[in-house]
Amino acid sequence: MPKRNTVIPVNTFSHGDDAGVSFDRFSSEALPGLDDWSQPERHDRHTCFLIESGNVQIDIDFKRYEINAPALIYMHPDQVHRIIGFANVICSAWAITNEKLQPEYLKKLEDILPASPIALIEDRFNLFTDAVSLGLKFSELKSTHVNSNLLTGHCNTLVALLISTYSESSPAGPQSGAELVTKNFRIILAAHFTHVKRPAQFAEKLHMSAAYLNECVKQVTGQPVTYHIQQRVVLEAKRLLVHSRQSVKEIATMLGYDDYAYFSRLFTKVASMSPVQFRHKNLD
């Protein structure tokens, strides 16, 4: 059983002078043992992995994936993941913080969540390989303001290519008004779910009535605003229950609930088991 941390660790990518942008390439032969990689963690930035060869098994927010090369993985900073196993892997990676990411791309990345790993056809894989190789070369340049801008720009280009690849795998037509409202609601929800709980509060942030917000969200997703608020809160609670040693009461407080009993009832309603039961069930 993996040892749990007091809180979910965040990989800060603090090696070197990355200034919010990083490139790396590694193989399973050079990696430490699986025990060192199997601990759950988040990243402090948007992270993209190009699996060039081999096989990887990974858990991302309680979903297990078995990924065979060539493939692409995107992970949002909110997502908790852990490596289950790997064999004969060669992988390239690039990562970028919110501050360095173009705002347009940040919004588009939110749109593709939750993003499953996707297989790549040969032409697209070769395009990524060439682009990442160039990024790795840029990352080796002497650290100057100009070179930093060059690296940031190239990383944003790779993010745009990733967004394009995900969009092509699930093509969408023009968005309706309800879809745009729902998209903006999801962005606001991701940023404020720990301290904003009522639909009317989200509607106020979006400058519309609660009734209209609820109508749009329900039309697009089939579920009302309250459902999505509760699902987002419970997902974060699940992450903390399994991947940290915080008590249920501490988790409730962190997620904006001073009334522990109310939080426990909410979790039980959404997850069909109590927080304590969920923790025990998932600590294998």
C-alpha atoms as a PDB file:
ATOM      1  CA  MET A   1       0.000   0.000   0.000  1.00  0.00           C
ATOM      2  CA  PRO A   2       1.468   3.411  -0.942  1.00  0.00           C
ATOM      3  CA  LYS A   3       2.218   5.608   2.045  1.00  0.00           C
ATOM      4  CA  ARG A   4      -0.130   8.572   2.182  1.00  0.00           C
ATOM      5  CA  ASN A   5       1.105  12.099   2.706  1.00  0.00           C
ATOM      6  CA  THR A   6      -0.361  14.676   5.061  1.00  0.00           C
ATOM      7  CA  VAL A   7      -1.535  16.562   1.990  1.00  0.00           C
ATOM      8  CA  ILE A   8      -1.450  15.660  -1.693  1.00  0.00           C
ATOM      9  CA  PRO A   9       2.093  16.462  -2.877  1.00  0.00           C
ATOM     10  CA  VAL A  10       2.532  19.027  -5.622  1.00  0.00           C
ATOM     11  CA  ASN A  11       5.429  18.536  -8.022  1.00  0.00           C
ATOM     12  CA  THR A  12       6.748  22.078  -8.437  1.00  0.00           C
ATOM     13  CA  PHE A  13       9.189  21.274 -11.253  1.00  0.00           C
ATOM     14  CA  SER A  14      11.650  23.395  -9.295  1.00  0.00           C
ATOM     15  CA  HIS A  15      14.790  21.897 -10.829  1.00  0.00           C
ATOM     16  CA  GLY A  16      16.885  24.407 -12.737  1.00  0.00           C
ATOM     17  CA  ASP A  17      15.734  27.837 -13.841  1.00  0.00           C
ATOM     18  CA  ASP A  18      12.607  26.856 -15.744  1.00  0.00           C
ATOM     19  CA  ALA A  19      10.732  30.149 -15.071  1.00  0.00           C
ATOM     20  CA  GLY A  20       7.388  28.389 -15.392  1.00  0.00           C
ATOM     21  CA  VAL A  21       8.203  26.395 -18.532  1.00  0.00           C
ATOM     22  CA  SER A  22       9.949  23.031 -18.688  1.00  0.00           C
ATOM     23  CA  PHE A  23      10.906  20.362 -21.214  1.00  0.00           C
ATOM     24  CA  ASP A  24      12.219  16.886 -20.473  1.00  0.00           C
ATOM     25  CA  ARG A  25      12.814  13.519 -22.124  1.00  0.00           C
ATOM     26  CA  PHE A  26      13.447  10.269 -20.285  1.00  0.00           C
ATOM     27  CA  SER A  27      13.360   6.494 -20.603  1.00  0.00           C
ATOM     28  CA  SER A  28      12.284   3.797 -18.175  1.00  0.00           C
ATOM     29  CA  GLU A  29      15.891   2.612 -17.947  1.00  0.00           C
ATOM     30  CA  ALA A  30      16.892   5.914 -16.395  1.00  0.00           C
ATOM     31  CA  LEU A  31      13.897   6.128 -14.059  1.00  0.00           C
ATOM     32  CA  PRO A  32      13.993   5.249 -10.371  1.00  0.00           C
ATOM     33  CA  GLY A  33      12.088   2.232  -9.096  1.00  0.00           C
ATOM     34  CA  LEU A  34       8.327   2.166  -9.372  1.00  0.00           C
ATOM     35  CA  ASP A  35       7.934   2.868  -5.646  1.00  0.00           C
ATOM     36  CA  ASP A  36       9.367   6.341  -6.223  1.00  0.00           C
ATOM     37  CA  TRP A  37       6.898   7.012  -9.039  1.00  0.00           C
ATOM     38  CA  SER A  38       3.765   5.367  -7.662  1.00  0.00           C
ATOM     39  CA  GLN A  39       2.985   8.024  -5.070  1.00  0.00           C
ATOM     40  CA  PRO A  40      -0.024  10.194  -5.974  1.00  0.00           C
ATOM     41  CA  GLU A  41       0.721  13.811  -6.830  1.00  0.00           C
ATOM     42  CA  ARG A  42      -0.410  16.917  -8.614  1.00  0.00           C
ATOM     43  CA  HIS A  43       1.706  19.173 -10.803  1.00  0.00           C
ATOM     44  CA  ASP A  44       1.980  22.915 -10.356  1.00  0.00           C
ATOM     45  CA  ARG A  45       1.416  23.395 -14.096  1.00  0.00           C
ATOM     46  CA  HIS A  46      -0.273  21.981 -17.166  1.00  0.00           C
ATOM     47  CA  THR A  47       1.702  18.894 -18.166  1.00  0.00           C
ATOM     48  CA  CYS A  48       1.782  17.059 -21.476  1.00  0.00           C
ATOM     49  CA  PHE A  49       3.430  13.704 -22.108  1.00  0.00           C
ATOM     50  CA  LEU A  50       4.306  12.216 -25.467  1.00  0.00           C
ATOM     51  CA  ILE A  51       4.693   8.444 -25.055  1.00  0.00           C
ATOM     52  CA  GLU A  52       7.143   7.581 -27.826  1.00  0.00           C
ATOM     53  CA  SER A  53       7.523   3.883 -27.084  1.00  0.00           C
ATOM     54  CA  GLY A  54       6.534   1.309 -24.515  1.00  0.00           C
ATOM     55  CA  ASN A  55       3.553   0.991 -22.218  1.00  0.00           C
ATOM     56  CA  VAL A  56       2.336   2.939 -19.174  1.00  0.00           C
ATOM     57  CA  GLN A  57      -0.401   2.208 -16.644  1.00  0.00           C
ATOM     58  CA  ILE A  58      -1.620   5.293 -14.808  1.00  0.00           C
ATOM     59  CA  ASP A  59      -4.446   6.346 -12.500  1.00  0.00           C
ATOM     60  CA  ILE A  60      -5.866   9.840 -13.111  1.00  0.00           C
ATOM     61  CA  ASP A  61      -8.594  10.883 -10.672  1.00  0.00           C
ATOM     62  CA  PHE A  62      -9.725   7.306  -9.964  1.00  0.00           C
ATOM     63  CA  LYS A  63      -9.746   6.245 -13.613  1.00  0.00           C
ATOM     64  CA  ARG A  64      -7.129   3.722 -14.690  1.00  0.00           C
ATOM     65  CA  TYR A  65      -5.611   3.872 -18.160  1.00  0.00           C
ATOM     66  CA  GLU A  66      -3.297   1.505 -19.977  1.00  0.00           C
ATOM     67  CA  ILE A  67      -1.480   3.501 -22.643  1.00  0.00           C
ATOM     68  CA  ASN A  68       0.485   2.091 -25.540  1.00  0.00           C
ATOM     69  CA  ALA A  69       2.801   4.241 -27.651  1.00  0.00           C
ATOM     70  CA  PRO A  70       2.455   6.404 -29.601  1.00  0.00           C
ATOM     71  CA  ALA A  71       0.092   8.364 -27.386  1.00  0.00           C
ATOM     72  CA  LEU A  72      -0.520  11.760 -25.827  1.00  0.00           C
ATOM     73  CA  ILE A  73      -1.459  12.504 -22.217  1.00  0.00           C
ATOM     74  CA  TYR A  74      -2.602  15.875 -20.863  1.00  0.00           C
ATOM     75  CA  MET A  75      -2.947  16.529 -17.140  1.00  0.00           C
ATOM     76  CA  HIS A  76      -4.456  19.628 -15.573  1.00  0.00           C
ATOM     77  CA  PRO A  77      -2.874  21.006 -12.362  1.00  0.00           C
ATOM     78  CA  ASP A  78      -6.021  20.016 -10.422  1.00  0.00           C
ATOM     79  CA  GLN A  79      -5.783  16.358 -11.364  1.00  0.00           C
ATOM     80  CA  VAL A  80      -4.225  13.775  -9.078  1.00  0.00           C
ATOM     81  CA  HIS A  81      -2.374  10.931 -10.743  1.00  0.00           C
ATOM     82  CA  ARG A  82      -0.055   8.064  -9.935  1.00  0.00           C
ATOM     83  CA  ILE A  83       1.952   5.626 -12.017  1.00  0.00           C
ATOM     84  CA  ILE A  84       0.867   1.994 -11.675  1.00  0.00           C
ATOM     85  CA  GLY A  85       3.479   0.468 -13.955  1.00  0.00           C
ATOM     86  CA  PHE A  86       5.580   0.998 -17.078  1.00  0.00           C
ATOM     87  CA  ALA A  87       7.687  -1.030 -19.505  1.00  0.00           C
ATOM     88  CA  ASN A  88      10.235  -0.022 -22.148  1.00  0.00           C
ATOM     89  CA  VAL A  89       9.079   3.593 -22.006  1.00  0.00           C
ATOM     90  CA  ILE A  90      10.584   6.538 -23.824  1.00  0.00           C
ATOM     91  CA  CYS A  91       8.660   9.716 -23.057  1.00  0.00           C
ATOM     92  CA  SER A  92       8.963  13.418 -23.788  1.00  0.00           C
ATOM     93  CA  ALA A  93       7.235  16.008 -21.630  1.00  0.00           C
ATOM     94  CA  TRP A  94       6.543  19.704 -21.627  1.00  0.00           C
ATOM     95  CA  ALA A  95       4.845  21.737 -18.923  1.00  0.00           C
ATOM     96  CA  ILE A  96       3.760  25.331 -18.389  1.00  0.00           C
ATOM     97  CA  THR A  97       2.232  27.353 -15.549  1.00  0.00           C
ATOM     98  CA  ASN A  98      -0.977  29.373 -15.816  1.00  0.00           C
ATOM     99  CA  GLU A  99       1.048  32.577 -15.792  1.00  0.00           C
ATOM    100  CA  LYS A 100       3.052  31.577 -18.884  1.00  0.00           C
ATOM    101  CA  LEU A 101       0.121  30.057 -20.760  1.00  0.00           C
ATOM    102  CA  GLN A 102      -1.771  32.207 -23.249  1.00  0.00           C
ATOM    103  CA  PRO A 103      -5.228  32.998 -21.766  1.00  0.00           C
ATOM    104  CA  GLU A 104      -6.964  31.700 -24.891  1.00  0.00           C
ATOM    105  CA  TYR A 105      -5.256  28.334 -24.494  1.00  0.00           C
ATOM    106  CA  LEU A 106      -6.032  28.191 -20.775  1.00  0.00           C
ATOM    107  CA  LYS A 107      -9.747  28.438 -21.558  1.00  0.00           C
ATOM    108  CA  LYS A 108      -9.506  25.789 -24.259  1.00  0.00           C
ATOM    109  CA  LEU A 109      -7.692  23.384 -21.925  1.00  0.00           C
ATOM    110  CA  GLU A 110     -10.535  23.751 -19.435  1.00  0.00           C
ATOM    111  CA  ASP A 111     -12.925  22.761 -22.231  1.00  0.00           C
ATOM    112  CA  ILE A 112     -11.298  19.374 -22.839  1.00  0.00           C
ATOM    113  CA  LEU A 113     -11.415  18.248 -19.190  1.00  0.00           C
ATOM    114  CA  PRO A 114     -11.472  15.510 -18.139  1.00  0.00           C
ATOM    115  CA  ALA A 115      -9.064  14.569 -20.912  1.00  0.00           C
ATOM    116  CA  SER A 116      -8.351  10.894 -21.508  1.00  0.00           C
ATOM    117  CA  PRO A 117      -5.047   9.827 -23.108  1.00  0.00           C
ATOM    118  CA  ILE A 118      -5.359   9.546 -26.879  1.00  0.00           C
ATOM    119  CA  ALA A 119      -3.553   7.418 -29.458  1.00  0.00           C
ATOM    120  CA  LEU A 120      -1.671   9.253 -32.211  1.00  0.00           C
ATOM    121  CA  ILE A 121      -1.544   8.474 -35.899  1.00  0.00           C
ATOM    122  CA  GLU A 122       1.927   8.425 -37.429  1.00  0.00           C
ATOM    123  CA  ASP A 123       1.835  11.877 -39.067  1.00  0.00           C
ATOM    124  CA  ARG A 124       0.663  13.612 -35.885  1.00  0.00           C
ATOM    125  CA  PHE A 125       3.136  11.678 -33.751  1.00  0.00           C
ATOM    126  CA  ASN A 126       5.998  12.757 -36.035  1.00  0.00           C
ATOM    127  CA  LEU A 127       4.820  16.366 -35.804  1.00  0.00           C
ATOM    128  CA  PHE A 128       4.884  16.231 -32.010  1.00  0.00           C
ATOM    129  CA  THR A 129       8.276  14.517 -32.006  1.00  0.00           C
ATOM    130  CA  ASP A 130       9.835  17.223 -34.167  1.00  0.00           C
ATOM    131  CA  ALA A 131       8.250  20.032 -32.142  1.00  0.00           C
ATOM    132  CA  VAL A 132       9.291  18.584 -28.770  1.00  0.00           C
ATOM    133  CA  SER A 133      12.840  17.981 -30.004  1.00  0.00           C
ATOM    134  CA  LEU A 134      13.052  21.658 -30.889  1.00  0.00           C
ATOM    135  CA  GLY A 135      11.714  22.609 -27.467  1.00  0.00           C
ATOM    136  CA  LEU A 136      14.362  20.466 -25.785  1.00  0.00           C
ATOM    137  CA  LYS A 137      17.050  22.286 -27.783  1.00  0.00           C
ATOM    138  CA  PHE A 138      15.595  25.671 -26.822  1.00  0.00           C
ATOM    139  CA  SER A 139      15.626  24.637 -23.153  1.00  0.00           C
ATOM    140  CA  GLU A 140      19.395  24.065 -23.361  1.00  0.00           C
ATOM    141  CA  LEU A 141      20.114  27.632 -24.484  1.00  0.00           C
ATOM    142  CA  LYS A 142      21.749  30.079 -22.117  1.00  0.00           C
ATOM    143  CA  SER A 143      19.193  31.683 -19.824  1.00  0.00           C
ATOM    144  CA  THR A 144      18.408  35.171 -21.148  1.00  0.00           C
ATOM    145  CA  HIS A 145      15.235  37.216 -21.424  1.00  0.00           C
ATOM    146  CA  VAL A 146      15.046  36.598 -25.172  1.00  0.00           C
ATOM    147  CA  ASN A 147      15.652  32.858 -24.841  1.00  0.00           C
ATOM    148  CA  SER A 148      13.075  32.642 -22.055  1.00  0.00           C
ATOM    149  CA  ASN A 149      10.505  34.261 -24.334  1.00  0.00           C
ATOM    150  CA  LEU A 150      11.502  31.861 -27.110  1.00  0.00           C
ATOM    151  CA  LEU A 151      10.984  28.855 -24.845  1.00  0.00           C
ATOM    152  CA  THR A 152       7.648  30.141 -23.547  1.00  0.00           C
ATOM    153  CA  GLY A 153       6.399  30.842 -27.055  1.00  0.00           C
ATOM    154  CA  HIS A 154       7.389  27.402 -28.277  1.00  0.00           C
ATOM    155  CA  CYS A 155       5.740  25.685 -25.305  1.00  0.00           C
ATOM    156  CA  ASN A 156       2.530  27.605 -26.036  1.00  0.00           C
ATOM    157  CA  THR A 157       2.768  26.405 -29.639  1.00  0.00           C
ATOM    158  CA  LEU A 158       2.969  22.804 -28.436  1.00  0.00           C
ATOM    159  CA  VAL A 159      -0.036  23.378 -26.169  1.00  0.00           C
ATOM    160  CA  ALA A 160      -1.937  24.713 -29.194  1.00  0.00           C
ATOM    161  CA  LEU A 161      -0.990  21.556 -31.103  1.00  0.00           C
ATOM    162  CA  LEU A 162      -2.224  19.436 -28.204  1.00  0.00           C
ATOM    163  CA  ILE A 163      -5.529  21.332 -28.099  1.00  0.00           C
ATOM    164  CA  SER A 164      -5.892  20.890 -31.847  1.00  0.00           C
ATOM    165  CA  THR A 165      -5.244  17.156 -31.531  1.00  0.00           C
ATOM    166  CA  TYR A 166      -7.841  16.709 -28.794  1.00  0.00           C
ATOM    167  CA  SER A 167     -10.347  18.828 -30.719  1.00  0.00           C
ATOM    168  CA  GLU A 168      -9.895  16.730 -33.852  1.00  0.00           C
ATOM    169  CA  SER A 169     -10.429  13.546 -31.870  1.00  0.00           C
ATOM    170  CA  SER A 170     -13.818  14.918 -30.700  1.00  0.00           C
ATOM    171  CA  PRO A 171     -14.863  17.479 -33.315  1.00  0.00           C
ATOM    172  CA  ALA A 172     -17.523  19.970 -32.278  1.00  0.00           C
ATOM    173  CA  GLY A 173     -19.668  22.337 -34.259  1.00  0.00           C
ATOM    174  CA  PRO A 174     -20.385  26.004 -33.446  1.00  0.00           C
ATOM    175  CA  GLN A 175     -21.377  26.509 -29.823  1.00  0.00           C
ATOM    176  CA  SER A 176     -24.887  27.595 -28.919  1.00  0.00           C
ATOM    177  CA  GLY A 177     -25.612  30.276 -26.345  1.00  0.00           C
ATOM    178  CA  ALA A 178     -26.365  27.612 -23.740  1.00  0.00           C
ATOM    179  CA  GLU A 179     -23.077  25.847 -24.478  1.00  0.00           C
ATOM    180  CA  LEU A 180     -21.120  29.071 -24.052  1.00  0.00           C
ATOM    181  CA  VAL A 181     -22.860  29.770 -20.733  1.00  0.00           C
ATOM    182  CA  THR A 182     -22.098  26.234 -19.557  1.00  0.00           C
ATOM    183  CA  LYS A 183     -18.474  26.550 -20.622  1.00  0.00           C
ATOM    184  CA  ASN A 184     -18.081  29.791 -18.635  1.00  0.00           C
ATOM    185  CA  PHE A 185     -19.846  28.245 -15.642  1.00  0.00           C
ATOM    186  CA  ARG A 186     -17.366  25.354 -15.609  1.00  0.00           C
ATOM    187  CA  ILE A 187     -14.447  27.783 -15.644  1.00  0.00           C
ATOM    188  CA  ILE A 188     -15.907  29.766 -12.729  1.00  0.00           C
ATOM    189  CA  LEU A 189     -16.763  26.558 -10.865  1.00  0.00           C
ATOM    190  CA  ALA A 190     -13.190  25.263 -11.119  1.00  0.00           C
ATOM    191  CA  ALA A 191     -11.860  28.492  -9.625  1.00  0.00           C
ATOM    192  CA  HIS A 192     -14.394  29.014  -6.825  1.00  0.00           C
ATOM    193  CA  PHE A 193     -15.949  25.708  -5.743  1.00  0.00           C
ATOM    194  CA  THR A 194     -14.264  25.703  -2.322  1.00  0.00           C
ATOM    195  CA  HIS A 195     -15.981  28.889  -1.185  1.00  0.00           C
ATOM    196  CA  VAL A 196     -18.958  29.423  -3.502  1.00  0.00           C
ATOM    197  CA  LYS A 197     -21.739  26.881  -3.122  1.00  0.00           C
ATOM    198  CA  ARG A 198     -25.039  28.397  -4.259  1.00  0.00           C
ATOM    199  CA  PRO A 199     -26.171  28.575  -7.905  1.00  0.00           C
ATOM    200  CA  ALA A 200     -27.207  32.187  -7.425  1.00  0.00           C
ATOM    201  CA  GLN A 201     -23.636  33.113  -6.468  1.00  0.00           C
ATOM    202  CA  PHE A 202     -22.278  31.598  -9.685  1.00  0.00           C
ATOM    203  CA  ALA A 203     -25.022  33.305 -11.690  1.00  0.00           C
ATOM    204  CA  GLU A 204     -24.033  36.641 -10.166  1.00  0.00           C
ATOM    205  CA  LYS A 205     -20.419  36.122 -11.219  1.00  0.00           C
ATOM    206  CA  LEU A 206     -21.634  35.416 -14.759  1.00  0.00           C
ATOM    207  CA  HIS A 207     -23.974  38.452 -14.729  1.00  0.00           C
ATOM    208  CA  MET A 208     -27.170  36.508 -15.321  1.00  0.00           C
ATOM    209  CA  SER A 209     -30.106  35.162 -13.359  1.00  0.00           C
ATOM    210  CA  ALA A 210     -29.846  31.870 -11.503  1.00  0.00           C
ATOM    211  CA  ALA A 211     -32.847  30.556 -13.441  1.00  0.00           C
ATOM    212  CA  TYR A 212     -31.196  31.263 -16.801  1.00  0.00           C
ATOM    213  CA  LEU A 213     -27.882  29.738 -15.721  1.00  0.00           C
ATOM    214  CA  ASN A 214     -29.653  26.617 -14.514  1.00  0.00           C
ATOM    215  CA  GLU A 215     -31.686  26.375 -17.724  1.00  0.00           C
ATOM    216  CA  CYS A 216     -28.541  26.566 -19.891  1.00  0.00           C
ATOM    217  CA  VAL A 217     -26.496  24.102 -17.847  1.00  0.00           C
ATOM    218  CA  LYS A 218     -29.346  21.607 -17.654  1.00  0.00           C
ATOM    219  CA  GLN A 219     -30.013  21.903 -21.398  1.00  0.00           C
ATOM    220  CA  VAL A 220     -26.369  21.125 -22.222  1.00  0.00           C
ATOM    221  CA  THR A 221     -25.500  18.548 -19.561  1.00  0.00           C
ATOM    222  CA  GLY A 222     -28.840  17.115 -18.497  1.00  0.00           C
ATOM    223  CA  GLN A 223     -28.129  18.088 -14.885  1.00  0.00           C
ATOM    224  CA  PRO A 224     -28.771  21.293 -12.894  1.00  0.00           C
ATOM    225  CA  VAL A 225     -26.116  23.653 -11.555  1.00  0.00           C
ATOM    226  CA  THR A 226     -26.351  22.220  -8.040  1.00  0.00           C
ATOM    227  CA  TYR A 227     -25.416  18.772  -9.355  1.00  0.00           C
ATOM    228  CA  HIS A 228     -22.176  20.077 -10.905  1.00  0.00           C
ATOM    229  CA  ILE A 229     -21.242  22.021  -7.765  1.00  0.00           C
ATOM    230  CA  GLN A 230     -21.696  18.931  -5.632  1.00  0.00           C
ATOM    231  CA  GLN A 231     -19.829  16.688  -8.067  1.00  0.00           C
ATOM    232  CA  ARG A 232     -16.833  19.046  -8.122  1.00  0.00           C
ATOM    233  CA  VAL A 233     -16.716  19.286  -4.332  1.00  0.00           C
ATOM    234  CA  VAL A 234     -16.976  15.521  -3.883  1.00  0.00           C
ATOM    235  CA  LEU A 235     -14.281  14.848  -6.507  1.00  0.00           C
ATOM    236  CA  GLU A 236     -11.872  17.040  -4.541  1.00  0.00           C
ATOM    237  CA  ALA A 237     -12.939  15.348  -1.316  1.00  0.00           C
ATOM    238  CA  LYS A 238     -12.235  11.928  -2.862  1.00  0.00           C
ATOM    239  CA  ARG A 239      -8.757  13.051  -3.880  1.00  0.00           C
ATOM    240  CA  LEU A 240      -7.979  14.226  -0.364  1.00  0.00           C
ATOM    241  CA  LEU A 241      -9.509  11.198   1.341  1.00  0.00           C
ATOM    242  CA  VAL A 242      -7.394   8.754  -0.645  1.00  0.00           C
ATOM    243  CA  HIS A 243      -4.200  10.705  -1.195  1.00  0.00           C
ATOM    244  CA  SER A 244      -3.766  12.592   2.091  1.00  0.00           C
ATOM    245  CA  ARG A 245      -3.850  11.885   5.821  1.00  0.00           C
ATOM    246  CA  GLN A 246      -6.160  14.778   6.640  1.00  0.00           C
ATOM    247  CA  SER A 247      -9.174  13.912   8.742  1.00  0.00           C
ATOM    248  CA  VAL A 248     -12.642  14.049   7.239  1.00  0.00           C
ATOM    249  CA  LYS A 249     -13.373  17.097   9.363  1.00  0.00           C
ATOM    250  CA  GLU A 250     -10.219  18.857   8.099  1.00  0.00           C
ATOM    251  CA  ILE A 251     -11.186  18.034   4.509  1.00  0.00           C
ATOM    252  CA  ALA A 252     -14.691  19.393   5.076  1.00  0.00           C
ATOM    253  CA  THR A 253     -13.272  22.663   6.399  1.00  0.00           C
ATOM    254  CA  MET A 254     -10.811  22.939   3.511  1.00  0.00           C
ATOM    255  CA  LEU A 255     -13.690  22.569   1.063  1.00  0.00           C
ATOM    256  CA  GLY A 256     -15.732  25.301   2.727  1.00  0.00           C
ATOM    257  CA  TYR A 257     -17.987  23.309   5.070  1.00  0.00           C
ATOM    258  CA  ASP A 258     -17.852  24.250   8.748  1.00  0.00           C
ATOM    259  CA  ASP A 259     -20.742  21.856   9.398  1.00  0.00           C
ATOM    260  CA  TYR A 260     -19.030  18.464   9.260  1.00  0.00           C
ATOM    261  CA  ALA A 261     -22.305  16.545   9.534  1.00  0.00           C
ATOM    262  CA  TYR A 262     -23.740  18.364   6.509  1.00  0.00           C
ATOM    263  CA  PHE A 263     -20.606  17.677   4.470  1.00  0.00           C
ATOM    264  CA  SER A 264     -20.731  13.997   5.409  1.00  0.00           C
ATOM    265  CA  ARG A 265     -24.385  13.743   4.317  1.00  0.00           C
ATOM    266  CA  LEU A 266     -23.599  15.509   1.031  1.00  0.00           C
ATOM    267  CA  PHE A 267     -20.668  13.209   0.291  1.00  0.00           C
ATOM    268  CA  THR A 268     -22.740  10.126   1.120  1.00  0.00           C
ATOM    269  CA  LYS A 269     -25.554  11.266  -1.180  1.00  0.00           C
ATOM    270  CA  VAL A 270     -23.208  11.871  -4.112  1.00  0.00           C
ATOM    271  CA  ALA A 271     -20.795   8.949  -3.621  1.00  0.00           C
ATOM    272  CA  SER A 272     -23.304   6.404  -2.263  1.00  0.00           C
ATOM    273  CA  MET A 273     -21.054   5.804   0.737  1.00  0.00           C
ATOM    274  CA  SER A 274     -19.725   7.840   3.635  1.00  0.00           C
ATOM    275  CA  PRO A 275     -16.351   9.600   3.487  1.00  0.00           C
ATOM    276  CA  VAL A 276     -14.898   7.080   5.933  1.00  0.00           C
ATOM    277  CA  GLN A 277     -16.203   4.144   3.893  1.00  0.00           C
ATOM    278  CA  PHE A 278     -14.786   5.652   0.707  1.00  0.00           C
ATOM    279  CA  ARG A 279     -11.366   6.106   2.311  1.00  0.00           C
ATOM    280  CA  HIS A 280     -11.236   2.532   3.572  1.00  0.00           C
ATOM    281  CA  LYS A 281     -12.492   1.100   0.278  1.00  0.00           C
ATOM    282  CA  ASN A 282      -9.823   2.876  -1.775  1.00  0.00           C
ATOM    283  CA  LEU A 283      -6.789   2.360   0.433  1.00  0.00           C
ATOM    284  CA  ASP A 284      -5.601  -0.809  -1.268  1.00  0.00           C
END
